[in-house]
Amino acid sequence: MPGGDWEVRGLFGNEYALERAVDEIKKMDKPPEFAVLDRRNLRVVLSKKDSETNKLVKNIIIIAHGFVESDAPLGVFDKKKAEAKAKKLKADEEKRQRNAKKQH
Protein backbone atom coordinates (compact mmCIF):
# COMPACT_ATOMS: atom_id res chain seq x y z
CA MET A 1 0.00 0.00 0.00
CA PRO A 2 1.69 3.24 -1.05
CA GLY A 3 1.48 5.53 1.96
CA GLY A 4 -1.61 6.15 3.98
CA ASP A 5 -3.30 8.74 6.08
CA TRP A 6 -3.81 6.87 9.37
CA GLU A 7 -1.43 5.23 11.80
CA VAL A 8 -1.68 2.75 14.61
CA ARG A 9 1.19 2.63 17.09
CA GLY A 10 1.83 -0.37 19.28
CA LEU A 11 3.96 -0.53 22.40
CA PHE A 12 5.20 -3.93 23.58
CA GLY A 13 6.73 -5.12 26.83
CA ASN A 14 9.47 -7.10 25.11
CA GLU A 15 10.99 -7.89 21.74
CA TYR A 16 9.35 -11.31 21.48
CA ALA A 17 5.86 -9.80 21.69
CA LEU A 18 6.80 -7.25 19.02
CA GLU A 19 8.14 -10.00 16.75
CA ARG A 20 4.92 -11.99 17.16
CA ALA A 21 2.84 -8.98 16.11
CA VAL A 22 5.07 -8.32 13.09
CA ASP A 23 4.81 -11.97 12.03
CA GLU A 24 1.01 -11.83 12.23
CA ILE A 25 0.87 -8.60 10.23
CA LYS A 26 3.05 -10.18 7.55
CA LYS A 27 0.59 -13.09 7.32
CA MET A 28 -2.32 -10.78 6.43
CA ASP A 29 -3.76 -11.05 2.89
CA LYS A 30 -2.75 -7.47 2.12
CA PRO A 31 -0.30 -6.45 4.84
CA PRO A 32 -0.25 -2.70 5.51
CA GLU A 33 2.92 -0.64 5.51
CA PHE A 34 4.64 -0.98 8.89
CA ALA A 35 7.91 -0.07 10.58
CA VAL A 36 9.61 -1.37 13.70
CA LEU A 37 10.72 1.87 15.35
CA ASP A 38 12.85 0.31 18.08
CA ARG A 39 12.89 -2.75 20.33
CA ARG A 40 9.39 -2.12 21.69
CA ASN A 41 7.54 0.17 19.26
CA LEU A 42 5.70 -0.59 16.04
CA ARG A 43 4.05 1.82 13.61
CA VAL A 44 1.50 0.63 11.07
CA VAL A 45 0.37 3.06 8.35
CA LEU A 46 -2.91 2.40 6.58
CA SER A 47 -5.81 4.05 4.87
CA LYS A 48 -8.36 5.76 7.08
CA LYS A 49 -11.12 4.26 4.96
CA ASP A 50 -9.97 0.70 5.72
CA SER A 51 -11.59 0.24 9.12
CA GLU A 52 -11.47 -3.55 8.92
CA THR A 53 -7.68 -3.60 8.57
CA ASN A 54 -7.46 -1.01 11.35
CA LYS A 55 -9.43 -3.27 13.72
CA LEU A 56 -7.40 -6.30 12.68
CA VAL A 57 -4.08 -4.53 13.32
CA LYS A 58 -5.25 -3.33 16.75
CA ASN A 59 -6.37 -6.87 17.62
CA ILE A 60 -3.01 -8.28 16.50
CA ILE A 61 -1.21 -5.81 18.76
CA ILE A 62 -3.41 -6.67 21.75
CA ILE A 63 -3.22 -10.44 21.19
CA ALA A 64 0.59 -10.19 21.03
CA HIS A 65 0.44 -8.64 24.53
CA GLY A 66 1.00 -5.12 23.29
CA PHE A 67 -0.75 -1.83 23.92
CA VAL A 68 -2.30 0.37 21.23
CA GLU A 69 -0.53 3.62 22.03
CA SER A 70 -2.04 5.67 19.23
CA ASP A 71 -4.83 5.25 16.69
CA ALA A 72 -4.87 8.62 14.96
CA PRO A 73 -4.20 10.49 11.71
CA LEU A 74 -0.65 10.18 10.44
CA GLY A 75 1.74 12.52 12.24
CA VAL A 76 -0.53 13.41 15.17
CA PHE A 77 1.30 11.12 17.61
CA ASP A 78 4.72 12.56 16.71
CA LYS A 79 3.38 16.11 16.98
CA LYS A 80 1.88 15.51 20.44
CA LYS A 81 5.05 13.82 21.64
CA ALA A 82 7.17 16.76 20.39
CA GLU A 83 4.86 19.27 22.07
CA ALA A 84 5.05 17.38 25.36
CA LYS A 85 8.84 17.24 25.15
CA ALA A 86 9.07 20.98 24.41
CA LYS A 87 6.74 21.75 27.33
CA LYS A 88 8.84 19.62 29.68
CA LEU A 89 12.08 21.25 28.52
CA LYS A 90 10.58 24.70 29.05
CA ALA A 91 9.40 23.77 32.55
CA ASP A 92 12.84 22.33 33.41
CA GLU A 93 14.55 25.51 32.18
CA GLU A 94 12.22 27.72 34.24
CA LYS A 95 12.91 25.56 37.29
CA ARG A 96 16.68 25.89 36.77
CA GLN A 97 16.36 29.68 36.46
CA ARG A 98 14.32 29.90 39.70
CA ASN A 99 16.88 27.76 41.53
CA ALA A 100 19.72 29.89 40.19
CA LYS A 101 18.01 33.06 41.47
CA LYS A 102 17.48 31.50 44.91
CA GLN A 103 21.17 30.62 45.21
CA HIS A 104 22.30 34.20 44.52
C-alpha atoms as a PDB file:
ATOM      1  CA  MET A   1       0.000   0.000   0.000  1.00  0.00           C
ATOM      2  CA  PRO A   2       1.691   3.237  -1.046  1.00  0.00           C
ATOM      3  CA  GLY A   3       1.479   5.532   1.958  1.00  0.00           C
ATOM      4  CA  GLY A   4      -1.611   6.146   3.980  1.00  0.00           C
ATOM      5  CA  ASP A   5      -3.304   8.741   6.081  1.00  0.00           C
ATOM      6  CA  TRP A   6      -3.807   6.868   9.366  1.00  0.00           C
ATOM      7  CA  GLU A   7      -1.434   5.227  11.801  1.00  0.00           C
ATOM      8  CA  VAL A   8      -1.684   2.747  14.614  1.00  0.00           C
ATOM      9  CA  ARG A   9       1.186   2.627  17.088  1.00  0.00           C
ATOM     10  CA  GLY A  10       1.826  -0.373  19.275  1.00  0.00           C
ATOM     11  CA  LEU A  11       3.960  -0.534  22.405  1.00  0.00           C
ATOM     12  CA  PHE A  12       5.198  -3.933  23.577  1.00  0.00           C
ATOM     13  CA  GLY A  13       6.732  -5.118  26.830  1.00  0.00           C
ATOM     14  CA  ASN A  14       9.471  -7.101  25.108  1.00  0.00           C
ATOM     15  CA  GLU A  15      10.994  -7.894  21.737  1.00  0.00           C
ATOM     16  CA  TYR A  16       9.348 -11.305  21.478  1.00  0.00           C
ATOM     17  CA  ALA A  17       5.858  -9.796  21.693  1.00  0.00           C
ATOM     18  CA  LEU A  18       6.798  -7.249  19.016  1.00  0.00           C
ATOM     19  CA  GLU A  19       8.138 -10.005  16.747  1.00  0.00           C
ATOM     20  CA  ARG A  20       4.915 -11.994  17.160  1.00  0.00           C
ATOM     21  CA  ALA A  21       2.837  -8.977  16.108  1.00  0.00           C
ATOM     22  CA  VAL A  22       5.072  -8.322  13.094  1.00  0.00           C
ATOM     23  CA  ASP A  23       4.810 -11.972  12.025  1.00  0.00           C
ATOM     24  CA  GLU A  24       1.010 -11.832  12.234  1.00  0.00           C
ATOM     25  CA  ILE A  25       0.866  -8.598  10.233  1.00  0.00           C
ATOM     26  CA  LYS A  26       3.052 -10.180   7.547  1.00  0.00           C
ATOM     27  CA  LYS A  27       0.586 -13.085   7.324  1.00  0.00           C
ATOM     28  CA  MET A  28      -2.320 -10.779   6.432  1.00  0.00           C
ATOM     29  CA  ASP A  29      -3.759 -11.045   2.891  1.00  0.00           C
ATOM     30  CA  LYS A  30      -2.754  -7.468   2.116  1.00  0.00           C
ATOM     31  CA  PRO A  31      -0.296  -6.455   4.842  1.00  0.00           C
ATOM     32  CA  PRO A  32      -0.250  -2.700   5.511  1.00  0.00           C
ATOM     33  CA  GLU A  33       2.921  -0.644   5.513  1.00  0.00           C
ATOM     34  CA  PHE A  34       4.644  -0.976   8.888  1.00  0.00           C
ATOM     35  CA  ALA A  35       7.906  -0.070  10.579  1.00  0.00           C
ATOM     36  CA  VAL A  36       9.608  -1.372  13.703  1.00  0.00           C
ATOM     37  CA  LEU A  37      10.722   1.867  15.347  1.00  0.00           C
ATOM     38  CA  ASP A  38      12.846   0.313  18.077  1.00  0.00           C
ATOM     39  CA  ARG A  39      12.887  -2.752  20.329  1.00  0.00           C
ATOM     40  CA  ARG A  40       9.389  -2.119  21.694  1.00  0.00           C
ATOM     41  CA  ASN A  41       7.537   0.165  19.259  1.00  0.00           C
ATOM     42  CA  LEU A  42       5.699  -0.591  16.044  1.00  0.00           C
ATOM     43  CA  ARG A  43       4.053   1.825  13.613  1.00  0.00           C
ATOM     44  CA  VAL A  44       1.503   0.630  11.067  1.00  0.00           C
ATOM     45  CA  VAL A  45       0.372   3.061   8.347  1.00  0.00           C
ATOM     46  CA  LEU A  46      -2.909   2.400   6.582  1.00  0.00           C
ATOM     47  CA  SER A  47      -5.806   4.055   4.866  1.00  0.00           C
ATOM     48  CA  LYS A  48      -8.359   5.764   7.083  1.00  0.00           C
ATOM     49  CA  LYS A  49     -11.117   4.255   4.956  1.00  0.00           C
ATOM     50  CA  ASP A  50      -9.970   0.698   5.718  1.00  0.00           C
ATOM     51  CA  SER A  51     -11.591   0.239   9.122  1.00  0.00           C
ATOM     52  CA  GLU A  52     -11.473  -3.553   8.921  1.00  0.00           C
ATOM     53  CA  THR A  53      -7.678  -3.603   8.567  1.00  0.00           C
ATOM     54  CA  ASN A  54      -7.456  -1.014  11.345  1.00  0.00           C
ATOM     55  CA  LYS A  55      -9.427  -3.266  13.721  1.00  0.00           C
ATOM     56  CA  LEU A  56      -7.396  -6.296  12.679  1.00  0.00           C
ATOM     57  CA  VAL A  57      -4.080  -4.525  13.319  1.00  0.00           C
ATOM     58  CA  LYS A  58      -5.250  -3.328  16.746  1.00  0.00           C
ATOM     59  CA  ASN A  59      -6.371  -6.865  17.623  1.00  0.00           C
ATOM     60  CA  ILE A  60      -3.014  -8.285  16.502  1.00  0.00           C
ATOM     61  CA  ILE A  61      -1.205  -5.812  18.765  1.00  0.00           C
ATOM     62  CA  ILE A  62      -3.410  -6.667  21.749  1.00  0.00           C
ATOM     63  CA  ILE A  63      -3.221 -10.440  21.186  1.00  0.00           C
ATOM     64  CA  ALA A  64       0.585 -10.194  21.026  1.00  0.00           C
ATOM     65  CA  HIS A  65       0.437  -8.640  24.530  1.00  0.00           C
ATOM     66  CA  GLY A  66       1.002  -5.122  23.292  1.00  0.00           C
ATOM     67  CA  PHE A  67      -0.752  -1.835  23.918  1.00  0.00           C
ATOM     68  CA  VAL A  68      -2.299   0.370  21.226  1.00  0.00           C
ATOM     69  CA  GLU A  69      -0.527   3.616  22.031  1.00  0.00           C
ATOM     70  CA  SER A  70      -2.037   5.668  19.227  1.00  0.00           C
ATOM     71  CA  ASP A  71      -4.831   5.254  16.692  1.00  0.00           C
ATOM     72  CA  ALA A  72      -4.872   8.622  14.961  1.00  0.00           C
ATOM     73  CA  PRO A  73      -4.198  10.488  11.710  1.00  0.00           C
ATOM     74  CA  LEU A  74      -0.652  10.176  10.438  1.00  0.00           C
ATOM     75  CA  GLY A  75       1.742  12.517  12.244  1.00  0.00           C
ATOM     76  CA  VAL A  76      -0.533  13.411  15.174  1.00  0.00           C
ATOM     77  CA  PHE A  77       1.305  11.123  17.611  1.00  0.00           C
ATOM     78  CA  ASP A  78       4.721  12.563  16.707  1.00  0.00           C
ATOM     79  CA  LYS A  79       3.376  16.113  16.984  1.00  0.00           C
ATOM     80  CA  LYS A  80       1.878  15.506  20.442  1.00  0.00           C
ATOM     81  CA  LYS A  81       5.054  13.821  21.644  1.00  0.00           C
ATOM     82  CA  ALA A  82       7.175  16.755  20.386  1.00  0.00           C
ATOM     83  CA  GLU A  83       4.857  19.270  22.075  1.00  0.00           C
ATOM     84  CA  ALA A  84       5.050  17.376  25.361  1.00  0.00           C
ATOM     85  CA  LYS A  85       8.843  17.241  25.147  1.00  0.00           C
ATOM     86  CA  ALA A  86       9.074  20.982  24.413  1.00  0.00           C
ATOM     87  CA  LYS A  87       6.740  21.755  27.332  1.00  0.00           C
ATOM     88  CA  LYS A  88       8.840  19.617  29.681  1.00  0.00           C
ATOM     89  CA  LEU A  89      12.076  21.250  28.521  1.00  0.00           C
ATOM     90  CA  LYS A  90      10.578  24.702  29.051  1.00  0.00           C
ATOM     91  CA  ALA A  91       9.402  23.766  32.553  1.00  0.00           C
ATOM     92  CA  ASP A  92      12.836  22.334  33.412  1.00  0.00           C
ATOM     93  CA  GLU A  93      14.553  25.514  32.175  1.00  0.00           C
ATOM     94  CA  GLU A  94      12.222  27.719  34.240  1.00  0.00           C
ATOM     95  CA  LYS A  95      12.911  25.558  37.294  1.00  0.00           C
ATOM     96  CA  ARG A  96      16.680  25.892  36.771  1.00  0.00           C
ATOM     97  CA  GLN A  97      16.357  29.676  36.462  1.00  0.00           C
ATOM     98  CA  ARG A  98      14.319  29.902  39.699  1.00  0.00           C
ATOM     99  CA  ASN A  99      16.877  27.756  41.532  1.00  0.00           C
ATOM    100  CA  ALA A 100      19.724  29.895  40.189  1.00  0.00           C
ATOM    101  CA  LYS A 101      18.011  33.065  41.469  1.00  0.00           C
ATOM    102  CA  LYS A 102      17.483  31.504  44.911  1.00  0.00           C
ATOM    103  CA  GLN A 103      21.170  30.625  45.205  1.00  0.00           C
ATOM    104  CA  HIS A 104      22.301  34.202  44.524  1.00  0.00           C
END
